[in-house]
Amino acid sequence: MNITIASISHQGERATNQDQLGEIIGNRSACFVVCDGIAGLPGGEVAASIARDTILQNFDGENHMNAQSIRQYIAHANNAIRQQQQRSEEHSRMGTTLVSLFIDRDYQLAYWAHAGDSRLYLFRRGYLYAVTRDHSLIQQMADAGYQTDGINSNLLYFALGMSEERDATYGDVLQLEDGDVFLLCTDGFWHNFTQDELEQSLHMVNSPSEWLSLMQQAWNKNDTDPEMGNTDNYSAIAVWVGSPQETTLLHSLADAERFLSRN
């Protein structure tokens, strides 16, 4: 099974970039990780680095995937963060979001796990789906049917390092199809685009690198507008499974112009 990827990570207007990305594509399986250190508390970038590095160091791309091994990867990452919290008073409250995708290349299966508000999207047969649901207050209120106007979208009730009473959320195993596209991204990324815009932009390209490049062009355009400036770190990994399909071929330059002129 052929896998093509592209990634992007930018500091935005923040003093540092607390986002951490990583991937391993082995002969039998692949692993993709995106972490976003929790802002407002010291050590967010440390927690994000620990989570990413621990998962990648434990991952073995020469073996098949299974749900139990994924739970172990995430547990090891959470434990590593907690150990560092105990060693450093300055970092005693640090935490990070996480979204991770695991692919068994032989059996053509996908697994994923997430904590916090970093997201995983799946594009299949011409449509984009949000696979994960944020561990945030605003998501809880929306699910309960409450109005969310004026609610801080950054208030999380779970992330790695935050709670000993919760575990990450794990998705059901998914049988892959040729042409599936996955997007793993931080909140600084998805806050800048609606789901319809993510889907629309993917209809204009035929590779993950072209997709991220098109969205970067939209960002660059918005950066000229002080009201649309990108203040947060923003990062993403696009993962393409198999060969490009007709649903992701360039429609027209006019479509691209409309996307880039969306604001």
Protein backbone atom coordinates (compact mmCIF):
# COMPACT_ATOMS: atom_id res chain seq x y z
CA MET A 1 0.00 0.00 0.00
CA ASN A 2 1.48 3.29 -1.11
CA ILE A 3 1.39 6.16 1.43
CA THR A 4 2.18 9.77 0.49
CA ILE A 5 2.44 12.49 3.14
CA ALA A 6 3.02 16.20 3.54
CA SER A 7 3.31 18.29 6.69
CA ILE A 8 3.26 21.91 7.76
CA SER A 9 4.11 23.61 11.07
CA HIS A 10 4.26 27.36 11.70
CA GLN A 11 4.79 29.51 14.76
CA GLY A 12 2.15 32.06 13.83
CA GLU A 13 2.50 35.15 16.00
CA ARG A 14 3.40 33.21 19.15
CA ALA A 15 6.82 33.55 20.79
CA THR A 16 7.46 29.82 20.37
CA ASN A 17 5.99 26.88 18.45
CA GLN A 18 4.59 24.33 20.89
CA ASP A 19 3.34 22.01 18.14
CA GLN A 20 5.25 18.79 17.52
CA LEU A 21 4.83 16.49 14.51
CA GLY A 22 6.30 13.12 13.67
CA GLU A 23 5.87 10.06 11.51
CA ILE A 24 7.32 6.64 10.82
CA ILE A 25 6.42 4.70 7.67
CA GLY A 26 7.63 1.13 8.10
CA ASN A 27 7.33 -1.84 5.78
CA ARG A 28 4.26 -3.23 7.53
CA SER A 29 2.77 -0.30 9.44
CA ALA A 30 2.93 3.47 9.76
CA CYS A 31 2.46 5.97 12.57
CA PHE A 32 1.63 9.69 12.42
CA VAL A 33 1.52 11.98 15.48
CA VAL A 34 0.53 15.63 16.03
CA CYS A 35 0.80 17.20 19.49
CA ASP A 36 0.01 20.73 20.70
CA GLY A 37 1.39 21.81 24.07
CA ILE A 38 -1.23 23.41 26.30
CA ALA A 39 -0.70 27.17 26.40
CA GLY A 40 -0.85 29.21 29.59
CA LEU A 41 1.17 26.77 31.68
CA PRO A 42 4.96 26.28 31.58
CA GLY A 43 6.24 23.26 29.71
CA GLY A 44 3.63 22.80 26.99
CA GLU A 45 6.31 22.34 24.34
CA VAL A 46 8.11 19.87 26.62
CA ALA A 47 4.97 17.77 27.09
CA ALA A 48 4.31 17.79 23.35
CA SER A 49 7.86 16.68 22.59
CA ILE A 50 7.74 13.93 25.22
CA ALA A 51 4.44 12.56 23.89
CA ARG A 52 5.59 12.54 20.27
CA ASP A 53 9.04 11.11 20.98
CA THR A 54 7.72 8.38 23.30
CA ILE A 55 5.19 7.13 20.76
CA LEU A 56 7.68 7.15 17.89
CA GLN A 57 10.38 5.47 19.96
CA ASN A 58 8.04 2.64 20.97
CA PHE A 59 6.46 2.19 17.55
CA ASP A 60 7.69 -0.68 15.38
CA GLY A 61 6.85 -0.30 11.71
CA GLU A 62 7.97 -3.85 10.95
CA ASN A 63 5.04 -5.39 12.85
CA HIS A 64 1.30 -5.42 12.25
CA MET A 65 -0.97 -3.05 14.19
CA ASN A 66 -3.53 -3.92 16.84
CA ALA A 67 -5.71 -1.91 19.20
CA GLN A 68 -3.88 -3.05 22.34
CA SER A 69 -0.48 -1.87 21.14
CA ILE A 70 -1.93 1.57 20.34
CA ARG A 71 -3.30 1.89 23.86
CA GLN A 72 0.14 1.00 25.16
CA TYR A 73 1.80 3.67 23.01
CA ILE A 74 -0.52 6.36 24.38
CA ALA A 75 -0.21 5.10 27.97
CA HIS A 76 3.60 5.19 27.71
CA ALA A 77 3.41 8.77 26.43
CA ASN A 78 1.11 9.87 29.26
CA ASN A 79 3.31 8.15 31.86
CA ALA A 80 6.43 9.80 30.46
CA ILE A 81 4.79 13.22 30.82
CA ARG A 82 3.77 12.46 34.41
CA GLN A 83 7.28 11.34 35.30
CA GLN A 84 8.66 14.65 34.03
CA GLN A 85 5.97 16.52 35.96
CA GLN A 86 7.23 14.87 39.16
CA ARG A 87 10.86 15.69 38.37
CA SER A 88 10.26 19.38 37.62
CA GLU A 89 8.19 21.70 39.79
CA GLU A 90 8.13 24.24 36.97
CA HIS A 91 6.52 21.67 34.65
CA SER A 92 4.27 20.03 37.23
CA ARG A 93 1.07 21.02 35.38
CA MET A 94 2.24 20.75 31.78
CA GLY A 95 0.11 18.90 29.25
CA THR A 96 -0.45 18.39 25.55
CA THR A 97 -3.15 17.50 23.09
CA LEU A 98 -2.57 14.53 20.82
CA VAL A 99 -3.97 13.09 17.64
CA SER A 100 -2.38 9.95 16.21
CA LEU A 101 -3.06 7.75 13.20
CA PHE A 102 -1.79 4.20 12.78
CA ILE A 103 -1.99 2.27 9.51
CA ASP A 104 -1.45 -1.45 8.95
CA ARG A 105 -0.12 -1.47 5.39
CA ASP A 106 -0.51 -5.22 4.79
CA TYR A 107 -4.09 -5.56 6.05
CA GLN A 108 -5.02 -2.01 4.94
CA LEU A 109 -6.49 -0.99 8.30
CA ALA A 110 -6.43 2.35 10.12
CA TYR A 111 -6.56 3.02 13.87
CA TRP A 112 -6.41 6.32 15.73
CA ALA A 113 -6.35 7.91 19.17
CA HIS A 114 -6.75 11.48 20.37
CA ALA A 115 -6.74 13.66 23.48
CA GLY A 116 -7.76 17.31 23.62
CA ASP A 117 -8.76 19.38 20.60
CA SER A 118 -6.26 18.34 17.95
CA ARG A 119 -8.32 16.66 15.23
CA LEU A 120 -8.37 13.89 12.66
CA TYR A 121 -10.36 14.25 9.42
CA LEU A 122 -10.99 11.63 6.74
CA PHE A 123 -11.70 12.45 3.09
CA ARG A 124 -13.39 9.54 1.27
CA ARG A 125 -15.36 9.32 -1.98
CA GLY A 126 -15.50 13.08 -2.36
CA TYR A 127 -16.53 14.02 1.19
CA LEU A 128 -14.66 15.12 4.31
CA TYR A 129 -15.60 13.70 7.71
CA ALA A 130 -14.52 14.82 11.18
CA VAL A 131 -13.39 11.58 12.83
CA THR A 132 -12.59 12.90 16.32
CA ARG A 133 -14.63 14.98 18.76
CA ASP A 134 -12.84 17.56 20.88
CA HIS A 135 -12.33 17.03 24.59
CA SER A 136 -13.41 20.62 25.21
CA LEU A 137 -16.07 22.51 27.13
CA ILE A 138 -17.49 24.06 23.98
CA GLN A 139 -17.88 20.61 22.38
CA GLN A 140 -19.64 19.28 25.50
CA MET A 141 -22.06 22.20 25.46
CA ALA A 142 -22.73 21.82 21.72
CA ASP A 143 -23.39 18.09 22.17
CA ALA A 144 -25.85 18.89 24.97
CA GLY A 145 -27.72 21.37 22.76
CA TYR A 146 -26.58 24.57 24.51
CA GLN A 147 -25.63 27.81 22.79
CA THR A 148 -21.85 28.24 22.59
CA ASP A 149 -21.60 31.90 21.58
CA GLY A 150 -18.93 33.62 23.63
CA ILE A 151 -17.54 30.39 25.11
CA ASN A 152 -13.74 30.07 25.11
CA SER A 153 -13.02 27.32 22.59
CA ASN A 154 -9.64 26.56 24.22
CA LEU A 155 -11.03 25.23 27.52
CA LEU A 156 -10.17 21.51 27.60
CA TYR A 157 -11.41 18.91 30.07
CA PHE A 158 -8.82 16.36 28.99
CA ALA A 159 -5.35 16.22 27.47
CA LEU A 160 -2.27 14.10 28.15
CA GLY A 161 -0.80 15.02 31.53
CA MET A 162 -4.02 16.62 32.80
CA SER A 163 -5.97 13.81 34.41
CA GLU A 164 -5.31 10.36 35.86
CA GLU A 165 -9.01 9.50 35.72
CA ARG A 166 -9.48 9.63 31.95
CA ASP A 167 -7.95 7.90 28.96
CA ALA A 168 -7.55 9.05 25.39
CA THR A 169 -10.37 8.30 22.96
CA TYR A 170 -9.73 5.42 20.55
CA GLY A 171 -11.45 4.97 17.21
CA ASP A 172 -12.86 1.78 15.77
CA VAL A 173 -10.67 0.03 13.24
CA LEU A 174 -11.33 1.27 9.69
CA GLN A 175 -10.91 -0.70 6.47
CA LEU A 176 -9.00 1.59 4.11
CA GLU A 177 -9.96 2.41 0.54
CA ASP A 178 -7.68 3.47 -2.28
CA GLY A 179 -7.64 7.27 -2.36
CA ASP A 180 -8.45 7.86 1.32
CA VAL A 181 -6.93 11.07 2.66
CA PHE A 182 -6.38 11.80 6.35
CA LEU A 183 -5.65 15.16 7.97
CA LEU A 184 -4.17 15.36 11.48
CA CYS A 185 -4.07 18.94 12.74
CA THR A 186 -3.88 21.24 15.76
CA ASP A 187 -6.62 23.67 16.72
CA GLY A 188 -4.56 26.55 15.31
CA PHE A 189 -4.98 24.89 11.92
CA TRP A 190 -8.65 23.88 11.91
CA HIS A 191 -9.79 27.14 13.52
CA ASN A 192 -8.81 28.89 10.28
CA PHE A 193 -11.01 26.80 7.99
CA THR A 194 -14.54 25.48 8.07
CA GLN A 195 -15.03 21.81 7.28
CA ASP A 196 -16.61 22.80 3.98
CA GLU A 197 -13.53 24.83 3.09
CA LEU A 198 -11.22 21.91 3.89
CA GLU A 199 -13.32 19.71 1.63
CA GLN A 200 -13.52 22.33 -1.10
CA SER A 201 -9.76 22.87 -1.14
CA LEU A 202 -9.12 19.13 -1.40
CA HIS A 203 -11.29 18.97 -4.52
CA MET A 204 -8.75 21.24 -6.21
CA VAL A 205 -5.60 19.15 -5.80
CA ASN A 206 -4.19 15.71 -6.52
CA SER A 207 -1.64 15.27 -3.74
CA PRO A 208 -1.28 16.02 0.00
CA SER A 209 1.53 18.51 -0.66
CA GLU A 210 -0.65 20.46 -3.10
CA TRP A 211 -3.47 20.47 -0.55
CA LEU A 212 -1.36 21.97 2.23
CA SER A 213 0.24 24.39 -0.21
CA LEU A 214 -3.17 25.68 -1.30
CA MET A 215 -4.23 26.25 2.30
CA GLN A 216 -0.93 27.96 3.06
CA GLN A 217 -1.63 30.38 0.22
CA ALA A 218 -4.97 31.17 1.82
CA TRP A 219 -3.18 31.81 5.13
CA ASN A 220 -0.66 34.09 3.50
CA LYS A 221 -3.51 36.11 2.04
CA ASN A 222 -5.22 36.41 5.42
CA ASP A 223 -1.99 37.52 7.10
CA THR A 224 -2.30 40.85 5.23
CA ASP A 225 -5.54 41.50 7.13
CA PRO A 226 -4.94 42.35 10.84
CA GLU A 227 -8.38 41.03 11.75
CA MET A 228 -7.64 37.68 10.11
CA GLY A 229 -4.06 37.27 11.34
CA ASN A 230 -2.98 33.83 12.53
CA THR A 231 -1.86 34.30 16.12
CA ASP A 232 -1.66 30.62 17.17
CA ASN A 233 0.79 27.92 16.15
CA TYR A 234 -0.73 25.88 13.34
CA SER A 235 0.40 22.44 12.21
CA ALA A 236 -0.89 19.50 10.20
CA ILE A 237 0.05 16.23 8.54
CA ALA A 238 -1.81 15.15 5.40
CA VAL A 239 -1.71 11.41 4.66
CA TRP A 240 -2.74 10.04 1.26
CA VAL A 241 -3.46 6.32 0.93
CA GLY A 242 -3.07 4.77 -2.50
CA SER A 243 -3.54 6.75 -5.70
CA PRO A 244 -5.35 10.06 -6.30
CA GLN A 245 -8.97 9.67 -7.28
CA GLU A 246 -11.18 11.71 -9.60
CA THR A 247 -12.76 13.33 -6.55
CA THR A 248 -9.50 15.11 -5.72
CA LEU A 249 -8.53 16.36 -9.17
CA LEU A 250 -8.27 20.06 -9.94
CA HIS A 251 -11.66 21.45 -10.92
CA SER A 252 -10.70 24.85 -12.29
CA LEU A 253 -8.63 27.92 -11.61
CA ALA A 254 -11.85 29.79 -10.90
CA ASP A 255 -12.57 27.40 -8.01
CA ALA A 256 -9.10 28.01 -6.62
CA GLU A 257 -9.59 31.77 -6.91
CA ARG A 258 -12.88 31.55 -5.01
CA PHE A 259 -11.18 29.56 -2.25
CA LEU A 260 -8.27 31.97 -1.94
CA SER A 261 -10.71 34.89 -1.94
CA ARG A 262 -13.03 33.33 0.67
CA ASN A 263 -12.61 36.30 3.01
